[in-house]
Amino acid sequence: MDAARLLGVLRPLLEATNARWAIAGGFAVIAWGSTRTTFDLDLVVDETARPELLSRLTSAGFHVLGDPPGFTNLIHPDPDLGRLDLIWLQGTTCERIFAAAVSKPAADGRIAFVPAPEHLVTMKVKAIKSRPTRVFRDGEDLRVLLSLPEIDQNEAREIFETNGLTELYDRIRKAAGQA
């Protein structure tokens, strides 16, 4: 996947819908300093843009693989554009995530919004809670995020506690020499 090229295709579509959006997932963690590899692009997007944005994406050649509530998974036949996951936000969650989002350089060299570290931690923790084997993929992302000087450790710990994963928080912090 060529993330710079994919963002070049996506930005005009997002702008045409006036959608609020931010880079999430692996590329967001990269924006916060990780060196991880990722093979798809995840975006958080304001739910109000969903119908128009999906129409524009399918017109641009993307195929919808799945569209359950809160999430749409798409793929483009051009392997350089690859896979795109959209996480739809609404209500208070939407307002909080976009209000705290930070501008960071994206894969295309342009500035994009990225959720605050605490919000990325929430997404990763919820993913692990729903599918525990994700800890093998997301554990390193959590270590990077929990090591950031910008993160509120009290809020981060509370996210793990609320999801019944306090032991994981403690293990990650200890392994990073921060316990």
N, C-alpha and C. Protein backbone atom coordinates (compact mmCIF):
# COMPACT_ATOMS: atom_id res chain seq x y z
N MET A 1 0.84 -1.18 0.00
CA MET A 1 0.00 0.00 0.00
C MET A 1 0.89 1.25 0.00
N ASP A 2 0.49 2.21 -0.77
CA ASP A 2 1.18 3.49 -0.83
C ASP A 2 0.31 4.52 -0.10
N ALA A 3 0.62 4.73 1.18
CA ALA A 3 -0.21 5.59 2.02
C ALA A 3 -0.27 7.02 1.51
N ALA A 4 0.85 7.51 0.97
CA ALA A 4 0.86 8.88 0.44
C ALA A 4 -0.11 9.00 -0.73
N ARG A 5 -0.07 8.02 -1.61
CA ARG A 5 -0.98 8.05 -2.76
C ARG A 5 -2.44 7.89 -2.32
N LEU A 6 -2.67 6.99 -1.36
CA LEU A 6 -4.03 6.80 -0.85
C LEU A 6 -4.57 8.09 -0.25
N LEU A 7 -3.77 8.76 0.56
CA LEU A 7 -4.21 10.03 1.13
C LEU A 7 -4.47 11.07 0.04
N GLY A 8 -3.68 11.03 -1.02
CA GLY A 8 -3.89 11.93 -2.15
C GLY A 8 -5.24 11.72 -2.81
N VAL A 9 -5.71 10.48 -2.83
CA VAL A 9 -7.03 10.16 -3.37
C VAL A 9 -8.12 10.55 -2.36
N LEU A 10 -7.87 10.29 -1.09
CA LEU A 10 -8.90 10.48 -0.06
C LEU A 10 -9.16 11.93 0.31
N ARG A 11 -8.10 12.74 0.38
CA ARG A 11 -8.28 14.12 0.85
C ARG A 11 -9.35 14.88 0.06
N PRO A 12 -9.34 14.86 -1.28
CA PRO A 12 -10.39 15.60 -2.00
C PRO A 12 -11.80 15.06 -1.74
N LEU A 13 -11.91 13.74 -1.54
CA LEU A 13 -13.22 13.15 -1.26
C LEU A 13 -13.72 13.58 0.12
N LEU A 14 -12.82 13.59 1.09
CA LEU A 14 -13.17 14.03 2.43
C LEU A 14 -13.52 15.51 2.45
N GLU A 15 -12.72 16.31 1.73
CA GLU A 15 -12.97 17.75 1.67
C GLU A 15 -14.30 18.05 0.99
N ALA A 16 -14.64 17.29 -0.05
CA ALA A 16 -15.90 17.51 -0.77
C ALA A 16 -17.12 17.27 0.11
N THR A 17 -16.97 16.43 1.13
CA THR A 17 -18.09 16.15 2.03
C THR A 17 -18.05 17.02 3.29
N ASN A 18 -17.00 17.83 3.43
CA ASN A 18 -16.78 18.62 4.65
C ASN A 18 -16.73 17.73 5.89
N ALA A 19 -16.25 16.52 5.71
CA ALA A 19 -16.18 15.57 6.82
C ALA A 19 -15.07 15.93 7.78
N ARG A 20 -15.35 15.82 9.07
CA ARG A 20 -14.28 15.88 10.06
C ARG A 20 -13.68 14.49 10.09
N TRP A 21 -12.35 14.43 10.03
CA TRP A 21 -11.67 13.15 10.01
C TRP A 21 -10.31 13.27 10.64
N ALA A 22 -9.78 12.13 11.04
CA ALA A 22 -8.42 12.06 11.59
C ALA A 22 -7.86 10.68 11.28
N ILE A 23 -6.55 10.62 11.17
CA ILE A 23 -5.87 9.35 10.95
C ILE A 23 -5.84 8.59 12.26
N ALA A 24 -6.19 7.31 12.20
CA ALA A 24 -6.20 6.46 13.40
C ALA A 24 -5.32 5.23 13.13
N GLY A 25 -5.40 4.25 14.00
CA GLY A 25 -4.70 2.99 13.80
C GLY A 25 -3.19 3.14 13.73
N GLY A 26 -2.58 2.27 12.93
CA GLY A 26 -1.13 2.22 12.82
C GLY A 26 -0.49 3.51 12.37
N PHE A 27 -1.09 4.19 11.39
CA PHE A 27 -0.49 5.43 10.92
C PHE A 27 -0.58 6.54 11.97
N ALA A 28 -1.58 6.49 12.83
CA ALA A 28 -1.64 7.47 13.92
C ALA A 28 -0.52 7.21 14.92
N VAL A 29 -0.28 5.94 15.22
CA VAL A 29 0.80 5.61 16.15
C VAL A 29 2.15 5.98 15.54
N ILE A 30 2.29 5.80 14.22
CA ILE A 30 3.50 6.24 13.53
C ILE A 30 3.66 7.75 13.67
N ALA A 31 2.56 8.49 13.52
CA ALA A 31 2.63 9.95 13.66
C ALA A 31 3.08 10.35 15.06
N TRP A 32 2.80 9.52 16.05
CA TRP A 32 3.21 9.78 17.42
C TRP A 32 4.61 9.25 17.72
N GLY A 33 5.30 8.67 16.70
CA GLY A 33 6.69 8.31 16.90
C GLY A 33 7.05 6.85 16.76
N SER A 34 6.10 5.98 16.50
CA SER A 34 6.41 4.57 16.33
C SER A 34 7.07 4.34 14.97
N THR A 35 7.76 3.23 14.85
CA THR A 35 8.36 2.85 13.57
C THR A 35 7.70 1.59 13.01
N ARG A 36 6.51 1.30 13.46
CA ARG A 36 5.81 0.08 13.05
C ARG A 36 5.45 0.09 11.58
N THR A 37 5.16 -1.08 11.06
CA THR A 37 4.68 -1.25 9.69
C THR A 37 3.18 -1.50 9.74
N THR A 38 2.46 -0.97 8.78
CA THR A 38 1.03 -1.23 8.71
C THR A 38 0.62 -1.37 7.25
N PHE A 39 -0.44 -2.10 7.03
CA PHE A 39 -0.85 -2.43 5.66
C PHE A 39 -2.23 -1.90 5.31
N ASP A 40 -2.80 -1.09 6.17
CA ASP A 40 -4.07 -0.47 5.86
C ASP A 40 -4.09 0.93 6.47
N LEU A 41 -5.04 1.72 6.05
CA LEU A 41 -5.19 3.06 6.61
C LEU A 41 -6.51 3.11 7.35
N ASP A 42 -6.45 3.53 8.60
CA ASP A 42 -7.64 3.69 9.44
C ASP A 42 -7.90 5.17 9.62
N LEU A 43 -9.16 5.56 9.44
CA LEU A 43 -9.57 6.93 9.70
C LEU A 43 -10.75 6.92 10.65
N VAL A 44 -10.79 7.89 11.55
CA VAL A 44 -12.02 8.16 12.30
C VAL A 44 -12.70 9.31 11.56
N VAL A 45 -14.00 9.16 11.36
CA VAL A 45 -14.75 10.12 10.54
C VAL A 45 -16.07 10.42 11.23
N ASP A 46 -16.49 11.66 11.15
CA ASP A 46 -17.79 12.06 11.68
C ASP A 46 -18.89 11.31 10.93
N GLU A 47 -19.72 10.61 11.66
CA GLU A 47 -20.81 9.79 11.11
C GLU A 47 -21.72 10.56 10.15
N THR A 48 -21.87 11.86 10.36
CA THR A 48 -22.78 12.64 9.51
C THR A 48 -22.35 12.63 8.04
N ALA A 49 -21.08 12.35 7.78
CA ALA A 49 -20.58 12.33 6.40
C ALA A 49 -20.72 10.95 5.75
N ARG A 50 -21.18 9.97 6.49
CA ARG A 50 -21.17 8.58 6.02
C ARG A 50 -21.82 8.37 4.65
N PRO A 51 -23.09 8.72 4.45
CA PRO A 51 -23.71 8.39 3.15
C PRO A 51 -22.99 9.02 1.96
N GLU A 52 -22.69 10.31 2.06
CA GLU A 52 -22.03 10.98 0.94
C GLU A 52 -20.61 10.48 0.73
N LEU A 53 -19.86 10.27 1.81
CA LEU A 53 -18.48 9.82 1.67
C LEU A 53 -18.42 8.41 1.08
N LEU A 54 -19.29 7.51 1.55
CA LEU A 54 -19.29 6.15 0.99
C LEU A 54 -19.64 6.17 -0.49
N SER A 55 -20.57 7.02 -0.87
CA SER A 55 -20.92 7.15 -2.29
C SER A 55 -19.71 7.62 -3.10
N ARG A 56 -19.01 8.60 -2.60
CA ARG A 56 -17.83 9.12 -3.30
C ARG A 56 -16.72 8.07 -3.36
N LEU A 57 -16.53 7.33 -2.27
CA LEU A 57 -15.49 6.30 -2.25
C LEU A 57 -15.78 5.18 -3.25
N THR A 58 -17.03 4.74 -3.30
CA THR A 58 -17.36 3.69 -4.26
C THR A 58 -17.26 4.21 -5.69
N SER A 59 -17.60 5.47 -5.91
CA SER A 59 -17.42 6.07 -7.24
C SER A 59 -15.95 6.15 -7.62
N ALA A 60 -15.07 6.23 -6.62
CA ALA A 60 -13.62 6.30 -6.87
C ALA A 60 -13.00 4.90 -6.98
N GLY A 61 -13.84 3.87 -6.97
CA GLY A 61 -13.34 2.51 -7.19
C GLY A 61 -13.20 1.65 -5.96
N PHE A 62 -13.47 2.18 -4.77
CA PHE A 62 -13.38 1.37 -3.56
C PHE A 62 -14.59 0.43 -3.49
N HIS A 63 -14.34 -0.78 -2.98
CA HIS A 63 -15.40 -1.77 -2.79
C HIS A 63 -15.61 -1.94 -1.29
N VAL A 64 -16.88 -1.92 -0.88
CA VAL A 64 -17.21 -2.10 0.53
C VAL A 64 -17.14 -3.59 0.86
N LEU A 65 -16.28 -3.94 1.81
CA LEU A 65 -16.17 -5.33 2.27
C LEU A 65 -17.12 -5.61 3.43
N GLY A 66 -17.33 -4.59 4.25
CA GLY A 66 -18.21 -4.72 5.40
C GLY A 66 -18.65 -3.35 5.85
N ASP A 67 -19.90 -3.26 6.31
CA ASP A 67 -20.43 -1.97 6.73
C ASP A 67 -21.36 -2.12 7.93
N PRO A 68 -20.84 -2.73 9.02
CA PRO A 68 -21.67 -2.81 10.23
C PRO A 68 -21.76 -1.44 10.90
N PRO A 69 -22.65 -1.29 11.86
CA PRO A 69 -22.75 0.00 12.56
C PRO A 69 -21.39 0.42 13.15
N GLY A 70 -21.02 1.65 12.90
CA GLY A 70 -19.81 2.21 13.49
C GLY A 70 -18.52 1.95 12.73
N PHE A 71 -18.58 1.18 11.64
CA PHE A 71 -17.34 0.78 10.99
C PHE A 71 -17.61 0.43 9.53
N THR A 72 -16.73 0.86 8.64
CA THR A 72 -16.81 0.42 7.24
C THR A 72 -15.42 0.01 6.80
N ASN A 73 -15.34 -1.14 6.17
CA ASN A 73 -14.09 -1.68 5.67
C ASN A 73 -14.18 -1.70 4.15
N LEU A 74 -13.18 -1.05 3.50
CA LEU A 74 -13.17 -0.96 2.04
C LEU A 74 -11.84 -1.43 1.48
N ILE A 75 -11.86 -1.79 0.20
CA ILE A 75 -10.63 -2.16 -0.49
C ILE A 75 -10.70 -1.59 -1.90
N HIS A 76 -9.56 -1.24 -2.41
CA HIS A 76 -9.47 -0.73 -3.78
C HIS A 76 -8.76 -1.79 -4.62
N PRO A 77 -9.19 -1.99 -5.87
CA PRO A 77 -8.53 -3.00 -6.70
C PRO A 77 -7.07 -2.66 -7.02
N ASP A 78 -6.70 -1.39 -6.93
CA ASP A 78 -5.31 -1.00 -7.12
C ASP A 78 -4.57 -1.29 -5.81
N PRO A 79 -3.64 -2.25 -5.81
CA PRO A 79 -2.97 -2.61 -4.56
C PRO A 79 -2.24 -1.45 -3.89
N ASP A 80 -1.84 -0.43 -4.65
CA ASP A 80 -1.20 0.73 -4.03
C ASP A 80 -2.18 1.51 -3.16
N LEU A 81 -3.46 1.44 -3.46
CA LEU A 81 -4.47 2.13 -2.64
C LEU A 81 -4.98 1.22 -1.53
N GLY A 82 -4.99 -0.06 -1.78
CA GLY A 82 -5.20 -1.06 -0.75
C GLY A 82 -6.46 -0.94 0.06
N ARG A 83 -6.28 -1.17 1.35
CA ARG A 83 -7.40 -1.31 2.28
C ARG A 83 -7.58 -0.05 3.12
N LEU A 84 -8.85 0.28 3.34
CA LEU A 84 -9.22 1.47 4.10
C LEU A 84 -10.29 1.09 5.11
N ASP A 85 -10.05 1.44 6.37
CA ASP A 85 -11.03 1.20 7.43
C ASP A 85 -11.50 2.53 7.96
N LEU A 86 -12.82 2.70 7.99
CA LEU A 86 -13.41 3.94 8.51
C LEU A 86 -14.14 3.62 9.81
N ILE A 87 -13.80 4.35 10.85
CA ILE A 87 -14.45 4.23 12.14
C ILE A 87 -15.33 5.45 12.28
N TRP A 88 -16.63 5.23 12.31
CA TRP A 88 -17.59 6.34 12.33
C TRP A 88 -17.85 6.79 13.76
N LEU A 89 -17.72 8.08 14.00
CA LEU A 89 -17.91 8.66 15.33
C LEU A 89 -19.15 9.53 15.35
N GLN A 90 -19.81 9.51 16.49
CA GLN A 90 -20.98 10.39 16.63
C GLN A 90 -21.12 10.85 18.08
N GLY A 91 -21.94 11.85 18.25
CA GLY A 91 -22.27 12.34 19.58
C GLY A 91 -21.09 12.85 20.37
N THR A 92 -21.12 12.59 21.68
CA THR A 92 -20.10 13.06 22.60
C THR A 92 -18.72 12.52 22.24
N THR A 93 -18.67 11.26 21.85
CA THR A 93 -17.37 10.66 21.48
C THR A 93 -16.76 11.42 20.31
N CYS A 94 -17.57 11.70 19.32
CA CYS A 94 -17.10 12.45 18.14
C CYS A 94 -16.56 13.81 18.57
N GLU A 95 -17.31 14.52 19.36
CA GLU A 95 -16.90 15.86 19.78
C GLU A 95 -15.60 15.82 20.59
N ARG A 96 -15.49 14.87 21.51
CA ARG A 96 -14.29 14.77 22.35
C ARG A 96 -13.05 14.42 21.53
N ILE A 97 -13.18 13.47 20.62
CA ILE A 97 -12.02 13.04 19.84
C ILE A 97 -11.54 14.16 18.92
N PHE A 98 -12.46 14.83 18.24
CA PHE A 98 -12.03 15.89 17.33
C PHE A 98 -11.56 17.14 18.07
N ALA A 99 -12.12 17.40 19.24
CA ALA A 99 -11.69 18.56 20.02
C ALA A 99 -10.25 18.38 20.53
N ALA A 100 -9.86 17.14 20.80
CA ALA A 100 -8.52 16.87 21.35
C ALA A 100 -7.51 16.46 20.28
N ALA A 101 -7.95 16.30 19.03
CA ALA A 101 -7.05 15.85 17.97
C ALA A 101 -5.91 16.85 17.78
N VAL A 102 -4.77 16.32 17.35
CA VAL A 102 -3.54 17.10 17.20
C VAL A 102 -3.10 17.04 15.74
N SER A 103 -2.56 18.14 15.24
CA SER A 103 -2.02 18.17 13.88
C SER A 103 -0.64 17.52 13.85
N LYS A 104 -0.46 16.60 12.92
CA LYS A 104 0.82 15.90 12.76
C LYS A 104 1.07 15.71 11.27
N PRO A 105 2.34 15.60 10.86
CA PRO A 105 2.63 15.27 9.46
C PRO A 105 2.13 13.85 9.15
N ALA A 106 1.48 13.72 8.01
CA ALA A 106 0.96 12.42 7.58
C ALA A 106 1.88 11.80 6.53
N ALA A 107 1.55 10.61 6.08
CA ALA A 107 2.38 9.87 5.13
C ALA A 107 2.58 10.61 3.82
N ASP A 108 1.65 11.52 3.48
CA ASP A 108 1.78 12.27 2.23
C ASP A 108 2.54 13.58 2.41
N GLY A 109 3.09 13.79 3.61
CA GLY A 109 3.87 14.99 3.87
C GLY A 109 3.03 16.19 4.25
N ARG A 110 1.72 16.07 4.17
CA ARG A 110 0.82 17.14 4.56
C ARG A 110 0.36 16.92 6.00
N ILE A 111 -0.15 17.97 6.58
CA ILE A 111 -0.64 17.89 7.96
C ILE A 111 -2.03 17.24 7.98
N ALA A 112 -2.23 16.40 8.98
CA ALA A 112 -3.55 15.78 9.21
C ALA A 112 -3.78 15.72 10.71
N PHE A 113 -5.02 15.61 11.09
CA PHE A 113 -5.34 15.44 12.49
C PHE A 113 -5.12 13.98 12.88
N VAL A 114 -4.67 13.80 14.13
CA VAL A 114 -4.46 12.49 14.73
C VAL A 114 -5.09 12.56 16.12
N PRO A 115 -5.83 11.53 16.53
CA PRO A 115 -6.39 11.56 17.88
C PRO A 115 -5.31 11.68 18.96
N ALA A 116 -5.70 12.26 20.08
CA ALA A 116 -4.82 12.36 21.24
C ALA A 116 -4.40 10.95 21.66
N PRO A 117 -3.23 10.82 22.29
CA PRO A 117 -2.76 9.48 22.70
C PRO A 117 -3.78 8.72 23.54
N GLU A 118 -4.45 9.41 24.45
CA GLU A 118 -5.44 8.74 25.30
C GLU A 118 -6.57 8.14 24.48
N HIS A 119 -6.97 8.83 23.42
CA HIS A 119 -8.05 8.31 22.57
C HIS A 119 -7.57 7.12 21.75
N LEU A 120 -6.33 7.15 21.31
CA LEU A 120 -5.78 5.99 20.60
C LEU A 120 -5.65 4.80 21.55
N VAL A 121 -5.23 5.06 22.79
CA VAL A 121 -5.16 4.00 23.79
C VAL A 121 -6.55 3.39 23.98
N THR A 122 -7.57 4.21 24.07
CA THR A 122 -8.94 3.70 24.23
C THR A 122 -9.30 2.76 23.08
N MET A 123 -9.01 3.17 21.85
CA MET A 123 -9.33 2.34 20.69
C MET A 123 -8.58 1.01 20.75
N LYS A 124 -7.30 1.06 21.09
CA LYS A 124 -6.48 -0.17 21.16
C LYS A 124 -6.96 -1.08 22.28
N VAL A 125 -7.26 -0.52 23.44
CA VAL A 125 -7.71 -1.31 24.58
C VAL A 125 -9.05 -1.97 24.28
N LYS A 126 -9.97 -1.23 23.67
CA LYS A 126 -11.27 -1.81 23.32
C LYS A 126 -11.11 -2.93 22.30
N ALA A 127 -10.19 -2.76 21.36
CA ALA A 127 -9.93 -3.81 20.38
C ALA A 127 -9.39 -5.07 21.05
N ILE A 128 -8.48 -4.90 22.01
CA ILE A 128 -7.92 -6.04 22.74
C ILE A 128 -8.99 -6.70 23.60
N LYS A 129 -9.82 -5.89 24.22
CA LYS A 129 -10.88 -6.46 25.06
C LYS A 129 -11.82 -7.33 24.23
N SER A 130 -12.15 -6.87 23.01
CA SER A 130 -13.08 -7.64 22.19
C SER A 130 -12.41 -8.84 21.52
N ARG A 131 -11.10 -8.75 21.31
CA ARG A 131 -10.35 -9.86 20.71
C ARG A 131 -8.97 -9.91 21.36
N PRO A 132 -8.83 -10.66 22.46
CA PRO A 132 -7.60 -10.66 23.25
C PRO A 132 -6.32 -10.95 22.47
N THR A 133 -6.37 -11.71 21.39
CA THR A 133 -5.15 -11.99 20.63
C THR A 133 -4.58 -10.73 19.97
N ARG A 134 -5.36 -9.67 19.91
CA ARG A 134 -4.85 -8.41 19.34
C ARG A 134 -3.74 -7.81 20.19
N VAL A 135 -3.58 -8.29 21.41
CA VAL A 135 -2.51 -7.77 22.26
C VAL A 135 -1.15 -7.99 21.59
N PHE A 136 -1.03 -9.05 20.79
CA PHE A 136 0.24 -9.31 20.12
C PHE A 136 0.53 -8.26 19.05
N ARG A 137 -0.50 -7.72 18.43
CA ARG A 137 -0.33 -6.69 17.41
C ARG A 137 -0.33 -5.30 18.02
N ASP A 138 -1.19 -5.07 19.01
CA ASP A 138 -1.38 -3.73 19.55
C ASP A 138 -0.56 -3.43 20.80
N GLY A 139 0.06 -4.43 21.39
CA GLY A 139 0.83 -4.22 22.61
C GLY A 139 1.96 -3.22 22.43
N GLU A 140 2.69 -3.33 21.33
CA GLU A 140 3.80 -2.40 21.07
C GLU A 140 3.27 -0.99 20.84
N ASP A 141 2.13 -0.87 20.16
CA ASP A 141 1.52 0.45 19.97
C ASP A 141 1.18 1.07 21.33
N LEU A 142 0.64 0.26 22.21
CA LEU A 142 0.31 0.77 23.55
C LEU A 142 1.57 1.19 24.30
N ARG A 143 2.65 0.42 24.16
CA ARG A 143 3.91 0.80 24.81
C ARG A 143 4.38 2.16 24.32
N VAL A 144 4.32 2.37 23.00
CA VAL A 144 4.74 3.66 22.43
C VAL A 144 3.85 4.77 22.97
N LEU A 145 2.55 4.57 22.93
CA LEU A 145 1.62 5.62 23.38
C LEU A 145 1.78 5.92 24.86
N LEU A 146 1.94 4.87 25.67
CA LEU A 146 2.08 5.08 27.12
C LEU A 146 3.42 5.70 27.49
N SER A 147 4.36 5.69 26.57
CA SER A 147 5.68 6.30 26.82
C SER A 147 5.74 7.77 26.43
N LEU A 148 4.70 8.27 25.79
CA LEU A 148 4.71 9.66 25.34
C LEU A 148 4.63 10.62 26.52
N PRO A 149 5.43 11.68 26.51
CA PRO A 149 5.34 12.66 27.60
C PRO A 149 3.99 13.38 27.61
N GLU A 150 3.31 13.41 26.46
CA GLU A 150 2.02 14.13 26.36
C GLU A 150 0.87 13.39 27.02
N ILE A 151 1.03 12.09 27.24
CA ILE A 151 -0.12 11.29 27.70
C ILE A 151 -0.40 11.51 29.18
N ASP A 152 -1.66 11.53 29.51
CA ASP A 152 -2.12 11.62 30.89
C ASP A 152 -2.17 10.19 31.44
N GLN A 153 -1.18 9.81 32.26
CA GLN A 153 -1.08 8.43 32.75
C GLN A 153 -2.29 8.04 33.61
N ASN A 154 -2.85 8.98 34.35
CA ASN A 154 -4.02 8.65 35.16
C ASN A 154 -5.20 8.28 34.27
N GLU A 155 -5.41 9.06 33.22
CA GLU A 155 -6.50 8.76 32.29
C GLU A 155 -6.24 7.44 31.57
N ALA A 156 -4.97 7.22 31.16
CA ALA A 156 -4.63 5.99 30.46
C ALA A 156 -4.88 4.77 31.35
N ARG A 157 -4.44 4.84 32.59
CA ARG A 157 -4.66 3.71 33.51
C ARG A 157 -6.15 3.47 33.71
N GLU A 158 -6.91 4.53 33.81
CA GLU A 158 -8.36 4.39 33.99
C GLU A 158 -9.01 3.68 32.80
N ILE A 159 -8.51 3.94 31.60
CA ILE A 159 -9.03 3.27 30.40
C ILE A 159 -8.82 1.77 30.52
N PHE A 160 -7.63 1.36 30.94
CA PHE A 160 -7.35 -0.07 31.12
C PHE A 160 -8.23 -0.64 32.24
N GLU A 161 -8.34 0.08 33.36
CA GLU A 161 -9.15 -0.40 34.49
C GLU A 161 -10.60 -0.59 34.09
N THR A 162 -11.17 0.40 33.39
CA THR A 162 -12.57 0.34 32.97
C THR A 162 -12.83 -0.88 32.09
N ASN A 163 -11.83 -1.29 31.35
CA ASN A 163 -11.99 -2.42 30.43
C ASN A 163 -11.45 -3.74 31.00
N GLY A 164 -11.14 -3.73 32.30
CA GLY A 164 -10.70 -4.95 32.96
C GLY A 164 -9.30 -5.40 32.55
N LEU A 165 -8.46 -4.45 32.15
CA LEU A 165 -7.12 -4.79 31.67
C LEU A 165 -6.01 -4.08 32.45
N THR A 166 -6.24 -3.84 33.73
CA THR A 166 -5.25 -3.16 34.55
C THR A 166 -3.92 -3.90 34.56
N GLU A 167 -3.97 -5.22 34.60
CA GLU A 167 -2.73 -6.02 34.61
C GLU A 167 -1.92 -5.77 33.33
N LEU A 168 -2.58 -5.62 32.22
CA LEU A 168 -1.89 -5.33 30.96
C LEU A 168 -1.21 -3.96 31.04
N TYR A 169 -1.90 -2.97 31.57
CA TYR A 169 -1.31 -1.63 31.74
C TYR A 169 -0.03 -1.75 32.57
N ASP A 170 -0.12 -2.44 33.70
CA ASP A 170 1.04 -2.58 34.59
C ASP A 170 2.19 -3.31 33.90
N ARG A 171 1.90 -4.37 33.14
CA ARG A 171 2.94 -5.12 32.42
C ARG A 171 3.62 -4.24 31.37
N ILE A 172 2.85 -3.47 30.63
CA ILE A 172 3.43 -2.61 29.60
C ILE A 172 4.31 -1.55 30.24
N ARG A 173 3.84 -0.92 31.28
CA ARG A 173 4.62 0.13 31.94
C ARG A 173 5.90 -0.48 32.55
N LYS A 174 5.79 -1.66 33.15
CA LYS A 174 6.96 -2.30 33.75
C LYS A 174 7.98 -2.67 32.68
N ALA A 175 7.51 -3.25 31.57
CA ALA A 175 8.41 -3.64 30.48
C ALA A 175 9.12 -2.44 29.88
N ALA A 176 8.46 -1.28 29.93
CA ALA A 176 9.07 -0.05 29.40
C ALA A 176 9.93 0.64 30.45
N GLY A 177 10.04 0.04 31.65
CA GLY A 177 10.84 0.63 32.72
C GLY A 177 10.19 1.86 33.33
N GLN A 178 8.85 1.91 33.28
CA GLN A 178 8.13 3.08 33.75
C GLN A 178 7.23 2.80 34.94
N ALA A 179 7.26 1.59 35.45
CA ALA A 179 6.35 1.25 36.54
C ALA A 179 6.79 1.85 37.85
